[in-house]
Each structure stands twice: as C-alpha cells, then as structure tokens.
Amino acid sequence: LSCAASEVPLDYYAVAWFREAPGKEREGV
C-alpha cells in the first residue's frame, strides 16, 4: 500500500496506517 502527499513533506510527520472492516472500529495497524 502507498500513502502519498502532494503538498507537504510527509517526513515532517508521523504517519500511521489504520484499517476498518464493516461495522468495526477503525484500528491502528
């Protein structure tokens, strides 16, 4: 999977992946 930003350097930030299955809480991965 890719998470791309076009305007702000992502290196300035912590970046996290989350996932959400139907009916479930969005979960940090």
mmCIF file of all heavy atoms, coordinates in Angstrom:
data_MODEL
# 
_entry.id   MODEL 
# 
loop_
_atom_site.group_PDB 
_atom_site.id 
_atom_site.type_symbol 
_atom_site.label_atom_id 
_atom_site.label_alt_id 
_atom_site.label_comp_id 
_atom_site.label_asym_id 
_atom_site.label_entity_id 
_atom_site.label_seq_id 
_atom_site.pdbx_PDB_ins_code 
_atom_site.Cartn_x 
_atom_site.Cartn_y 
_atom_site.Cartn_z 
_atom_site.occupancy 
_atom_site.B_iso_or_equiv 
_atom_site.pdbx_formal_charge 
_atom_site.auth_seq_id 
_atom_site.auth_comp_id 
_atom_site.auth_asym_id 
_atom_site.auth_atom_id 
_atom_site.pdbx_PDB_model_num 
ATOM 1   N N   . LEU A 1 1  ? 0.828   -1.187 0.000  1.00 0.00 ? 1  LEU A N   1 
ATOM 2   C CA  . LEU A 1 1  ? 0.000   0.000  0.000  1.00 0.00 ? 1  LEU A CA  1 
ATOM 3   C C   . LEU A 1 1  ? 0.871   1.249  0.000  1.00 0.00 ? 1  LEU A C   1 
ATOM 4   O O   . LEU A 1 1  ? 1.955   1.261  0.572  1.00 0.00 ? 1  LEU A O   1 
ATOM 5   C CB  . LEU A 1 1  ? -0.912  0.026  1.223  1.00 0.00 ? 1  LEU A CB  1 
ATOM 6   C CG  . LEU A 1 1  ? -1.771  -1.217 1.466  1.00 0.00 ? 1  LEU A CG  1 
ATOM 7   C CD1 . LEU A 1 1  ? -2.696  -0.978 2.652  1.00 0.00 ? 1  LEU A CD1 1 
ATOM 8   C CD2 . LEU A 1 1  ? -2.566  -1.590 0.229  1.00 0.00 ? 1  LEU A CD2 1 
ATOM 9   N N   . SER A 1 2  ? 0.362   2.297  -0.633 1.00 0.00 ? 2  SER A N   1 
ATOM 10  C CA  . SER A 1 2  ? 1.062   3.567  -0.693 1.00 0.00 ? 2  SER A CA  1 
ATOM 11  C C   . SER A 1 2  ? 0.193   4.665  -0.107 1.00 0.00 ? 2  SER A C   1 
ATOM 12  O O   . SER A 1 2  ? -1.022  4.678  -0.311 1.00 0.00 ? 2  SER A O   1 
ATOM 13  C CB  . SER A 1 2  ? 1.416   3.931  -2.139 1.00 0.00 ? 2  SER A CB  1 
ATOM 14  O OG  . SER A 1 2  ? 2.281   2.979  -2.712 1.00 0.00 ? 2  SER A OG  1 
ATOM 15  N N   . CYS A 1 3  ? 0.821   5.572  0.602  1.00 0.00 ? 3  CYS A N   1 
ATOM 16  C CA  . CYS A 1 3  ? 0.175   6.758  1.151  1.00 0.00 ? 3  CYS A CA  1 
ATOM 17  C C   . CYS A 1 3  ? 0.986   7.948  0.689  1.00 0.00 ? 3  CYS A C   1 
ATOM 18  O O   . CYS A 1 3  ? 2.119   8.150  1.148  1.00 0.00 ? 3  CYS A O   1 
ATOM 19  C CB  . CYS A 1 3  ? 0.123   6.673  2.678  1.00 0.00 ? 3  CYS A CB  1 
ATOM 20  S SG  . CYS A 1 3  ? -0.503  8.149  3.508  1.00 0.00 ? 3  CYS A SG  1 
ATOM 21  N N   . ALA A 1 4  ? 0.431   8.729  -0.223 1.00 0.00 ? 4  ALA A N   1 
ATOM 22  C CA  . ALA A 1 4  ? 1.170   9.803  -0.868 1.00 0.00 ? 4  ALA A CA  1 
ATOM 23  C C   . ALA A 1 4  ? 0.578   11.160 -0.515 1.00 0.00 ? 4  ALA A C   1 
ATOM 24  O O   . ALA A 1 4  ? -0.640  11.319 -0.428 1.00 0.00 ? 4  ALA A O   1 
ATOM 25  C CB  . ALA A 1 4  ? 1.161   9.620  -2.380 1.00 0.00 ? 4  ALA A CB  1 
ATOM 26  N N   . ALA A 1 5  ? 1.456   12.133 -0.340 1.00 0.00 ? 5  ALA A N   1 
ATOM 27  C CA  . ALA A 1 5  ? 1.076   13.517 -0.131 1.00 0.00 ? 5  ALA A CA  1 
ATOM 28  C C   . ALA A 1 5  ? 1.705   14.364 -1.223 1.00 0.00 ? 5  ALA A C   1 
ATOM 29  O O   . ALA A 1 5  ? 2.865   14.144 -1.601 1.00 0.00 ? 5  ALA A O   1 
ATOM 30  C CB  . ALA A 1 5  ? 1.515   14.012 1.241  1.00 0.00 ? 5  ALA A CB  1 
ATOM 31  N N   . SER A 1 6  ? 0.962   15.340 -1.715 1.00 0.00 ? 6  SER A N   1 
ATOM 32  C CA  . SER A 1 6  ? 1.429   16.136 -2.848 1.00 0.00 ? 6  SER A CA  1 
ATOM 33  C C   . SER A 1 6  ? 1.956   17.507 -2.471 1.00 0.00 ? 6  SER A C   1 
ATOM 34  O O   . SER A 1 6  ? 2.668   18.121 -3.260 1.00 0.00 ? 6  SER A O   1 
ATOM 35  C CB  . SER A 1 6  ? 0.309   16.299 -3.874 1.00 0.00 ? 6  SER A CB  1 
ATOM 36  O OG  . SER A 1 6  ? -0.805  16.965 -3.309 1.00 0.00 ? 6  SER A OG  1 
ATOM 37  N N   . GLU A 1 7  ? 1.636   18.008 -1.288 1.00 0.00 ? 7  GLU A N   1 
ATOM 38  C CA  . GLU A 1 7  ? 1.941   19.389 -0.952 1.00 0.00 ? 7  GLU A CA  1 
ATOM 39  C C   . GLU A 1 7  ? 2.819   19.572 0.276  1.00 0.00 ? 7  GLU A C   1 
ATOM 40  O O   . GLU A 1 7  ? 3.511   20.586 0.389  1.00 0.00 ? 7  GLU A O   1 
ATOM 41  C CB  . GLU A 1 7  ? 0.637   20.178 -0.747 1.00 0.00 ? 7  GLU A CB  1 
ATOM 42  C CG  . GLU A 1 7  ? -0.227  20.237 -1.993 1.00 0.00 ? 7  GLU A CG  1 
ATOM 43  C CD  . GLU A 1 7  ? -1.516  20.989 -1.773 1.00 0.00 ? 7  GLU A CD  1 
ATOM 44  O OE1 . GLU A 1 7  ? -1.810  21.352 -0.611 1.00 0.00 ? 7  GLU A OE1 1 
ATOM 45  O OE2 . GLU A 1 7  ? -2.236  21.226 -2.759 1.00 0.00 ? 7  GLU A OE2 1 
ATOM 46  N N   . VAL A 1 8  ? 2.789   18.646 1.180  1.00 0.00 ? 8  VAL A N   1 
ATOM 47  C CA  . VAL A 1 8  ? 3.519   18.755 2.436  1.00 0.00 ? 8  VAL A CA  1 
ATOM 48  C C   . VAL A 1 8  ? 4.455   17.566 2.583  1.00 0.00 ? 8  VAL A C   1 
ATOM 49  O O   . VAL A 1 8  ? 4.028   16.427 2.382  1.00 0.00 ? 8  VAL A O   1 
ATOM 50  C CB  . VAL A 1 8  ? 2.554   18.827 3.638  1.00 0.00 ? 8  VAL A CB  1 
ATOM 51  C CG1 . VAL A 1 8  ? 3.331   18.865 4.943  1.00 0.00 ? 8  VAL A CG1 1 
ATOM 52  C CG2 . VAL A 1 8  ? 1.648   20.038 3.518  1.00 0.00 ? 8  VAL A CG2 1 
ATOM 53  N N   . PRO A 1 9  ? 5.710   17.801 2.929  1.00 0.00 ? 9  PRO A N   1 
ATOM 54  C CA  . PRO A 1 9  ? 6.617   16.661 3.119  1.00 0.00 ? 9  PRO A CA  1 
ATOM 55  C C   . PRO A 1 9  ? 6.168   15.776 4.274  1.00 0.00 ? 9  PRO A C   1 
ATOM 56  O O   . PRO A 1 9  ? 6.086   16.220 5.421  1.00 0.00 ? 9  PRO A O   1 
ATOM 57  C CB  . PRO A 1 9  ? 7.968   17.319 3.422  1.00 0.00 ? 9  PRO A CB  1 
ATOM 58  C CG  . PRO A 1 9  ? 7.864   18.692 2.844  1.00 0.00 ? 9  PRO A CG  1 
ATOM 59  C CD  . PRO A 1 9  ? 6.428   19.089 3.032  1.00 0.00 ? 9  PRO A CD  1 
ATOM 60  N N   . LEU A 1 10 ? 5.896   14.527 3.966  1.00 0.00 ? 10 LEU A N   1 
ATOM 61  C CA  . LEU A 1 10 ? 5.451   13.607 4.992  1.00 0.00 ? 10 LEU A CA  1 
ATOM 62  C C   . LEU A 1 10 ? 6.524   13.324 6.022  1.00 0.00 ? 10 LEU A C   1 
ATOM 63  O O   . LEU A 1 10 ? 6.204   12.878 7.126  1.00 0.00 ? 10 LEU A O   1 
ATOM 64  C CB  . LEU A 1 10 ? 4.973   12.295 4.363  1.00 0.00 ? 10 LEU A CB  1 
ATOM 65  C CG  . LEU A 1 10 ? 3.613   12.313 3.680  1.00 0.00 ? 10 LEU A CG  1 
ATOM 66  C CD1 . LEU A 1 10 ? 3.302   10.936 3.103  1.00 0.00 ? 10 LEU A CD1 1 
ATOM 67  C CD2 . LEU A 1 10 ? 2.523   12.739 4.650  1.00 0.00 ? 10 LEU A CD2 1 
ATOM 68  N N   . ASP A 1 11 ? 7.772   13.571 5.677  1.00 0.00 ? 11 ASP A N   1 
ATOM 69  C CA  . ASP A 1 11 ? 8.846   13.347 6.629  1.00 0.00 ? 11 ASP A CA  1 
ATOM 70  C C   . ASP A 1 11 ? 8.713   14.232 7.857  1.00 0.00 ? 11 ASP A C   1 
ATOM 71  O O   . ASP A 1 11 ? 9.316   13.939 8.893  1.00 0.00 ? 11 ASP A O   1 
ATOM 72  C CB  . ASP A 1 11 ? 10.200  13.571 5.960  1.00 0.00 ? 11 ASP A CB  1 
ATOM 73  C CG  . ASP A 1 11 ? 11.360  13.119 6.814  1.00 0.00 ? 11 ASP A CG  1 
ATOM 74  O OD1 . ASP A 1 11 ? 11.290  11.993 7.358  1.00 0.00 ? 11 ASP A OD1 1 
ATOM 75  O OD2 . ASP A 1 11 ? 12.339  13.871 6.953  1.00 0.00 ? 11 ASP A OD2 1 
ATOM 76  N N   . TYR A 1 12 ? 7.935   15.299 7.750  1.00 0.00 ? 12 TYR A N   1 
ATOM 77  C CA  . TYR A 1 12 ? 7.703   16.161 8.907  1.00 0.00 ? 12 TYR A CA  1 
ATOM 78  C C   . TYR A 1 12 ? 6.791   15.522 9.943  1.00 0.00 ? 12 TYR A C   1 
ATOM 79  O O   . TYR A 1 12 ? 6.690   16.032 11.071 1.00 0.00 ? 12 TYR A O   1 
ATOM 80  C CB  . TYR A 1 12 ? 7.050   17.477 8.474  1.00 0.00 ? 12 TYR A CB  1 
ATOM 81  C CG  . TYR A 1 12 ? 7.898   18.410 7.645  1.00 0.00 ? 12 TYR A CG  1 
ATOM 82  C CD1 . TYR A 1 12 ? 7.375   19.618 7.203  1.00 0.00 ? 12 TYR A CD1 1 
ATOM 83  C CD2 . TYR A 1 12 ? 9.205   18.115 7.305  1.00 0.00 ? 12 TYR A CD2 1 
ATOM 84  C CE1 . TYR A 1 12 ? 8.122   20.493 6.439  1.00 0.00 ? 12 TYR A CE1 1 
ATOM 85  C CE2 . TYR A 1 12 ? 9.965   18.976 6.546  1.00 0.00 ? 12 TYR A CE2 1 
ATOM 86  C CZ  . TYR A 1 12 ? 9.420   20.170 6.113  1.00 0.00 ? 12 TYR A CZ  1 
ATOM 87  O OH  . TYR A 1 12 ? 10.173  21.033 5.358  1.00 0.00 ? 12 TYR A OH  1 
ATOM 88  N N   . TYR A 1 13 ? 6.121   14.461 9.569  1.00 0.00 ? 13 TYR A N   1 
ATOM 89  C CA  . TYR A 1 13 ? 5.051   13.903 10.377 1.00 0.00 ? 13 TYR A CA  1 
ATOM 90  C C   . TYR A 1 13 ? 5.268   12.435 10.668 1.00 0.00 ? 13 TYR A C   1 
ATOM 91  O O   . TYR A 1 13 ? 5.847   11.698 9.873  1.00 0.00 ? 13 TYR A O   1 
ATOM 92  C CB  . TYR A 1 13 ? 3.704   14.037 9.658  1.00 0.00 ? 13 TYR A CB  1 
ATOM 93  C CG  . TYR A 1 13 ? 3.312   15.441 9.311  1.00 0.00 ? 13 TYR A CG  1 
ATOM 94  C CD1 . TYR A 1 13 ? 3.634   15.985 8.079  1.00 0.00 ? 13 TYR A CD1 1 
ATOM 95  C CD2 . TYR A 1 13 ? 2.612   16.218 10.218 1.00 0.00 ? 13 TYR A CD2 1 
ATOM 96  C CE1 . TYR A 1 13 ? 3.269   17.277 7.756  1.00 0.00 ? 13 TYR A CE1 1 
ATOM 97  C CE2 . TYR A 1 13 ? 2.241   17.507 9.901  1.00 0.00 ? 13 TYR A CE2 1 
ATOM 98  C CZ  . TYR A 1 13 ? 2.573   18.031 8.671  1.00 0.00 ? 13 TYR A CZ  1 
ATOM 99  O OH  . TYR A 1 13 ? 2.199   19.317 8.353  1.00 0.00 ? 13 TYR A OH  1 
ATOM 100 N N   . ALA A 1 14 ? 4.756   12.001 11.797 1.00 0.00 ? 14 ALA A N   1 
ATOM 101 C CA  . ALA A 1 14 ? 4.469   10.589 11.959 1.00 0.00 ? 14 ALA A CA  1 
ATOM 102 C C   . ALA A 1 14 ? 3.280   10.234 11.068 1.00 0.00 ? 14 ALA A C   1 
ATOM 103 O O   . ALA A 1 14 ? 2.346   11.022 10.932 1.00 0.00 ? 14 ALA A O   1 
ATOM 104 C CB  . ALA A 1 14 ? 4.145   10.259 13.419 1.00 0.00 ? 14 ALA A CB  1 
ATOM 105 N N   . VAL A 1 15 ? 3.343   9.081  10.444 1.00 0.00 ? 15 VAL A N   1 
ATOM 106 C CA  . VAL A 1 15 ? 2.273   8.620  9.562  1.00 0.00 ? 15 VAL A CA  1 
ATOM 107 C C   . VAL A 1 15 ? 1.864   7.230  9.992  1.00 0.00 ? 15 VAL A C   1 
ATOM 108 O O   . VAL A 1 15 ? 2.719   6.374  10.230 1.00 0.00 ? 15 VAL A O   1 
ATOM 109 C CB  . VAL A 1 15 ? 2.712   8.611  8.087  1.00 0.00 ? 15 VAL A CB  1 
ATOM 110 C CG1 . VAL A 1 15 ? 1.582   8.099  7.204  1.00 0.00 ? 15 VAL A CG1 1 
ATOM 111 C CG2 . VAL A 1 15 ? 3.136   10.006 7.650  1.00 0.00 ? 15 VAL A CG2 1 
ATOM 112 N N   . ALA A 1 16 ? 0.582   7.010  10.076 1.00 0.00 ? 16 ALA A N   1 
ATOM 113 C CA  . ALA A 1 16 ? 0.073   5.714  10.502 1.00 0.00 ? 16 ALA A CA  1 
ATOM 114 C C   . ALA A 1 16 ? -0.928  5.161  9.506  1.00 0.00 ? 16 ALA A C   1 
ATOM 115 O O   . ALA A 1 16 ? -1.671  5.913  8.861  1.00 0.00 ? 16 ALA A O   1 
ATOM 116 C CB  . ALA A 1 16 ? -0.580  5.804  11.880 1.00 0.00 ? 16 ALA A CB  1 
ATOM 117 N N   . TRP A 1 17 ? -0.929  3.850  9.397  1.00 0.00 ? 17 TRP A N   1 
ATOM 118 C CA  . TRP A 1 17 ? -1.946  3.124  8.667  1.00 0.00 ? 17 TRP A CA  1 
ATOM 119 C C   . TRP A 1 17 ? -2.987  2.582  9.635  1.00 0.00 ? 17 TRP A C   1 
ATOM 120 O O   . TRP A 1 17 ? -2.636  1.992  10.666 1.00 0.00 ? 17 TRP A O   1 
ATOM 121 C CB  . TRP A 1 17 ? -1.343  1.953  7.889  1.00 0.00 ? 17 TRP A CB  1 
ATOM 122 C CG  . TRP A 1 17 ? -0.575  2.361  6.677  1.00 0.00 ? 17 TRP A CG  1 
ATOM 123 C CD1 . TRP A 1 17 ? 0.759   2.545  6.564  1.00 0.00 ? 17 TRP A CD1 1 
ATOM 124 C CD2 . TRP A 1 17 ? -1.130  2.615  5.381  1.00 0.00 ? 17 TRP A CD2 1 
ATOM 125 N NE1 . TRP A 1 17 ? 1.087   2.902  5.283  1.00 0.00 ? 17 TRP A NE1 1 
ATOM 126 C CE2 . TRP A 1 17 ? -0.048  2.957  4.536  1.00 0.00 ? 17 TRP A CE2 1 
ATOM 127 C CE3 . TRP A 1 17 ? -2.417  2.586  4.854  1.00 0.00 ? 17 TRP A CE3 1 
ATOM 128 C CZ2 . TRP A 1 17 ? -0.224  3.269  3.192  1.00 0.00 ? 17 TRP A CZ2 1 
ATOM 129 C CZ3 . TRP A 1 17 ? -2.595  2.904  3.521  1.00 0.00 ? 17 TRP A CZ3 1 
ATOM 130 C CH2 . TRP A 1 17 ? -1.509  3.239  2.709  1.00 0.00 ? 17 TRP A CH2 1 
ATOM 131 N N   . PHE A 1 18 ? -4.242  2.791  9.291  1.00 0.00 ? 18 PHE A N   1 
ATOM 132 C CA  . PHE A 1 18 ? -5.374  2.234  10.005 1.00 0.00 ? 18 PHE A CA  1 
ATOM 133 C C   . PHE A 1 18 ? -6.182  1.384  9.047  1.00 0.00 ? 18 PHE A C   1 
ATOM 134 O O   . PHE A 1 18 ? -6.082  1.531  7.827  1.00 0.00 ? 18 PHE A O   1 
ATOM 135 C CB  . PHE A 1 18 ? -6.266  3.336  10.586 1.00 0.00 ? 18 PHE A CB  1 
ATOM 136 C CG  . PHE A 1 18 ? -5.702  4.047  11.781 1.00 0.00 ? 18 PHE A CG  1 
ATOM 137 C CD1 . PHE A 1 18 ? -4.581  4.853  11.671 1.00 0.00 ? 18 PHE A CD1 1 
ATOM 138 C CD2 . PHE A 1 18 ? -6.306  3.909  13.020 1.00 0.00 ? 18 PHE A CD2 1 
ATOM 139 C CE1 . PHE A 1 18 ? -4.063  5.516  12.765 1.00 0.00 ? 18 PHE A CE1 1 
ATOM 140 C CE2 . PHE A 1 18 ? -5.799  4.571  14.128 1.00 0.00 ? 18 PHE A CE2 1 
ATOM 141 C CZ  . PHE A 1 18 ? -4.682  5.365  14.003 1.00 0.00 ? 18 PHE A CZ  1 
ATOM 142 N N   . ARG A 1 19 ? -6.996  0.513  9.600  1.00 0.00 ? 19 ARG A N   1 
ATOM 143 C CA  . ARG A 1 19 ? -7.907  -0.256 8.770  1.00 0.00 ? 19 ARG A CA  1 
ATOM 144 C C   . ARG A 1 19 ? -9.272  -0.334 9.428  1.00 0.00 ? 19 ARG A C   1 
ATOM 145 O O   . ARG A 1 19 ? -9.392  -0.275 10.650 1.00 0.00 ? 19 ARG A O   1 
ATOM 146 C CB  . ARG A 1 19 ? -7.364  -1.660 8.486  1.00 0.00 ? 19 ARG A CB  1 
ATOM 147 C CG  . ARG A 1 19 ? -7.213  -2.551 9.704  1.00 0.00 ? 19 ARG A CG  1 
ATOM 148 C CD  . ARG A 1 19 ? -6.488  -3.836 9.317  1.00 0.00 ? 19 ARG A CD  1 
ATOM 149 N NE  . ARG A 1 19 ? -6.321  -4.721 10.452 1.00 0.00 ? 19 ARG A NE  1 
ATOM 150 C CZ  . ARG A 1 19 ? -5.592  -5.824 10.424 1.00 0.00 ? 19 ARG A CZ  1 
ATOM 151 N NH1 . ARG A 1 19 ? -4.961  -6.183 9.306  1.00 0.00 ? 19 ARG A NH1 1 
ATOM 152 N NH2 . ARG A 1 19 ? -5.493  -6.584 11.509 1.00 0.00 ? 19 ARG A NH2 1 
ATOM 153 N N   . GLU A 1 20 ? -10.282 -0.472 8.587  1.00 0.00 ? 20 GLU A N   1 
ATOM 154 C CA  . GLU A 1 20 ? -11.653 -0.508 9.064  1.00 0.00 ? 20 GLU A CA  1 
ATOM 155 C C   . GLU A 1 20 ? -12.435 -1.547 8.280  1.00 0.00 ? 20 GLU A C   1 
ATOM 156 O O   . GLU A 1 20 ? -12.592 -1.427 7.065  1.00 0.00 ? 20 GLU A O   1 
ATOM 157 C CB  . GLU A 1 20 ? -12.300 0.864  8.926  1.00 0.00 ? 20 GLU A CB  1 
ATOM 158 C CG  . GLU A 1 20 ? -13.687 0.942  9.501  1.00 0.00 ? 20 GLU A CG  1 
ATOM 159 C CD  . GLU A 1 20 ? -14.233 2.353  9.490  1.00 0.00 ? 20 GLU A CD  1 
ATOM 160 O OE1 . GLU A 1 20 ? -13.426 3.308  9.474  1.00 0.00 ? 20 GLU A OE1 1 
ATOM 161 O OE2 . GLU A 1 20 ? -15.466 2.503  9.494  1.00 0.00 ? 20 GLU A OE2 1 
ATOM 162 N N   . ALA A 1 21 ? -12.903 -2.546 8.985  1.00 0.00 ? 21 ALA A N   1 
ATOM 163 C CA  . ALA A 1 21 ? -13.817 -3.525 8.420  1.00 0.00 ? 21 ALA A CA  1 
ATOM 164 C C   . ALA A 1 21 ? -15.247 -3.078 8.702  1.00 0.00 ? 21 ALA A C   1 
ATOM 165 O O   . ALA A 1 21 ? -15.491 -2.338 9.665  1.00 0.00 ? 21 ALA A O   1 
ATOM 166 C CB  . ALA A 1 21 ? -13.554 -4.908 8.999  1.00 0.00 ? 21 ALA A CB  1 
ATOM 167 N N   . PRO A 1 22 ? -16.210 -3.507 7.894  1.00 0.00 ? 22 PRO A N   1 
ATOM 168 C CA  . PRO A 1 22 ? -17.591 -3.074 8.109  1.00 0.00 ? 22 PRO A CA  1 
ATOM 169 C C   . PRO A 1 22 ? -18.074 -3.357 9.527  1.00 0.00 ? 22 PRO A C   1 
ATOM 170 O O   . PRO A 1 22 ? -17.923 -4.467 10.038 1.00 0.00 ? 22 PRO A O   1 
ATOM 171 C CB  . PRO A 1 22 ? -18.380 -3.889 7.084  1.00 0.00 ? 22 PRO A CB  1 
ATOM 172 C CG  . PRO A 1 22 ? -17.401 -4.152 5.992  1.00 0.00 ? 22 PRO A CG  1 
ATOM 173 C CD  . PRO A 1 22 ? -16.089 -4.344 6.690  1.00 0.00 ? 22 PRO A CD  1 
ATOM 174 N N   . GLY A 1 23 ? -18.625 -2.340 10.163 1.00 0.00 ? 23 GLY A N   1 
ATOM 175 C CA  . GLY A 1 23 ? -19.161 -2.482 11.498 1.00 0.00 ? 23 GLY A CA  1 
ATOM 176 C C   . GLY A 1 23 ? -18.139 -2.519 12.606 1.00 0.00 ? 23 GLY A C   1 
ATOM 177 O O   . GLY A 1 23 ? -18.516 -2.718 13.765 1.00 0.00 ? 23 GLY A O   1 
ATOM 178 N N   . LYS A 1 24 ? -16.856 -2.326 12.287 1.00 0.00 ? 24 LYS A N   1 
ATOM 179 C CA  . LYS A 1 24 ? -15.815 -2.404 13.294 1.00 0.00 ? 24 LYS A CA  1 
ATOM 180 C C   . LYS A 1 24 ? -15.122 -1.062 13.476 1.00 0.00 ? 24 LYS A C   1 
ATOM 181 O O   . LYS A 1 24 ? -15.153 -0.203 12.603 1.00 0.00 ? 24 LYS A O   1 
ATOM 182 C CB  . LYS A 1 24 ? -14.783 -3.469 12.921 1.00 0.00 ? 24 LYS A CB  1 
ATOM 183 C CG  . LYS A 1 24 ? -15.326 -4.886 12.909 1.00 0.00 ? 24 LYS A CG  1 
ATOM 184 C CD  . LYS A 1 24 ? -14.224 -5.894 12.663 1.00 0.00 ? 24 LYS A CD  1 
ATOM 185 C CE  . LYS A 1 24 ? -14.758 -7.309 12.708 1.00 0.00 ? 24 LYS A CE  1 
ATOM 186 N NZ  . LYS A 1 24 ? -13.680 -8.304 12.466 1.00 0.00 ? 24 LYS A NZ  1 
ATOM 187 N N   . GLU A 1 25 ? -14.500 -0.924 14.621 1.00 0.00 ? 25 GLU A N   1 
ATOM 188 C CA  . GLU A 1 25 ? -13.743 0.276  14.939 1.00 0.00 ? 25 GLU A CA  1 
ATOM 189 C C   . GLU A 1 25 ? -12.541 0.398  14.007 1.00 0.00 ? 25 GLU A C   1 
ATOM 190 O O   . GLU A 1 25 ? -11.917 -0.598 13.635 1.00 0.00 ? 25 GLU A O   1 
ATOM 191 C CB  . GLU A 1 25 ? -13.274 0.212  16.393 1.00 0.00 ? 25 GLU A CB  1 
ATOM 192 C CG  . GLU A 1 25 ? -12.425 1.386  16.844 1.00 0.00 ? 25 GLU A CG  1 
ATOM 193 C CD  . GLU A 1 25 ? -13.235 2.594  17.237 1.00 0.00 ? 25 GLU A CD  1 
ATOM 194 O OE1 . GLU A 1 25 ? -14.476 2.535  17.182 1.00 0.00 ? 25 GLU A OE1 1 
ATOM 195 O OE2 . GLU A 1 25 ? -12.626 3.617  17.607 1.00 0.00 ? 25 GLU A OE2 1 
ATOM 196 N N   . ARG A 1 26 ? -12.231 1.626  13.617 1.00 0.00 ? 26 ARG A N   1 
ATOM 197 C CA  . ARG A 1 26 ? -11.021 1.864  12.853 1.00 0.00 ? 26 ARG A CA  1 
ATOM 198 C C   . ARG A 1 26 ? -9.815  1.569  13.734 1.00 0.00 ? 26 ARG A C   1 
ATOM 199 O O   . ARG A 1 26 ? -9.661  2.138  14.820 1.00 0.00 ? 26 ARG A O   1 
ATOM 200 C CB  . ARG A 1 26 ? -10.990 3.299  12.342 1.00 0.00 ? 26 ARG A CB  1 
ATOM 201 C CG  . ARG A 1 26 ? -9.886  3.560  11.333 1.00 0.00 ? 26 ARG A CG  1 
ATOM 202 C CD  . ARG A 1 26 ? -10.070 4.889  10.614 1.00 0.00 ? 26 ARG A CD  1 
ATOM 203 N NE  . ARG A 1 26 ? -11.262 4.896  9.765  1.00 0.00 ? 26 ARG A NE  1 
ATOM 204 C CZ  . ARG A 1 26 ? -11.543 5.839  8.878  1.00 0.00 ? 26 ARG A CZ  1 
ATOM 205 N NH1 . ARG A 1 26 ? -10.713 6.865  8.715  1.00 0.00 ? 26 ARG A NH1 1 
ATOM 206 N NH2 . ARG A 1 26 ? -12.649 5.771  8.163  1.00 0.00 ? 26 ARG A NH2 1 
ATOM 207 N N   . GLU A 1 27 ? -8.956  0.682  13.258 1.00 0.00 ? 27 GLU A N   1 
ATOM 208 C CA  . GLU A 1 27 ? -7.890  0.105  14.050 1.00 0.00 ? 27 GLU A CA  1 
ATOM 209 C C   . GLU A 1 27 ? -6.529  0.557  13.550 1.00 0.00 ? 27 GLU A C   1 
ATOM 210 O O   . GLU A 1 27 ? -6.235  0.457  12.356 1.00 0.00 ? 27 GLU A O   1 
ATOM 211 C CB  . GLU A 1 27 ? -7.974  -1.429 13.994 1.00 0.00 ? 27 GLU A CB  1 
ATOM 212 C CG  . GLU A 1 27 ? -6.808  -2.150 14.635 1.00 0.00 ? 27 GLU A CG  1 
ATOM 213 C CD  . GLU A 1 27 ? -6.760  -3.622 14.282 1.00 0.00 ? 27 GLU A CD  1 
ATOM 214 O OE1 . GLU A 1 27 ? -7.325  -4.007 13.232 1.00 0.00 ? 27 GLU A OE1 1 
ATOM 215 O OE2 . GLU A 1 27 ? -6.168  -4.402 15.053 1.00 0.00 ? 27 GLU A OE2 1 
ATOM 216 N N   . GLY A 1 28 ? -5.686  1.017  14.454 1.00 0.00 ? 28 GLY A N   1 
ATOM 217 C CA  . GLY A 1 28 ? -4.320  1.340  14.092 1.00 0.00 ? 28 GLY A CA  1 
ATOM 218 C C   . GLY A 1 28 ? -3.528  0.087  13.770 1.00 0.00 ? 28 GLY A C   1 
ATOM 219 O O   . GLY A 1 28 ? -3.526  -0.867 14.545 1.00 0.00 ? 28 GLY A O   1 
ATOM 220 N N   . VAL A 1 29 ? -2.851  0.089  12.636 1.00 0.00 ? 29 VAL A N   1 
ATOM 221 C CA  . VAL A 1 29 ? -2.113  -1.070 12.154 1.00 0.00 ? 29 VAL A CA  1 
ATOM 222 C C   . VAL A 1 29 ? -0.614  -0.885 12.294 1.00 0.00 ? 29 VAL A C   1 
ATOM 223 O O   . VAL A 1 29 ? 0.097   -1.754 12.809 1.00 0.00 ? 29 VAL A O   1 
ATOM 224 C CB  . VAL A 1 29 ? -2.477  -1.372 10.692 1.00 0.00 ? 29 VAL A CB  1 
ATOM 225 C CG1 . VAL A 1 29 ? -1.630  -2.520 10.150 1.00 0.00 ? 29 VAL A CG1 1 
ATOM 226 C CG2 . VAL A 1 29 ? -3.961  -1.688 10.564 1.00 0.00 ? 29 VAL A CG2 1 
# 
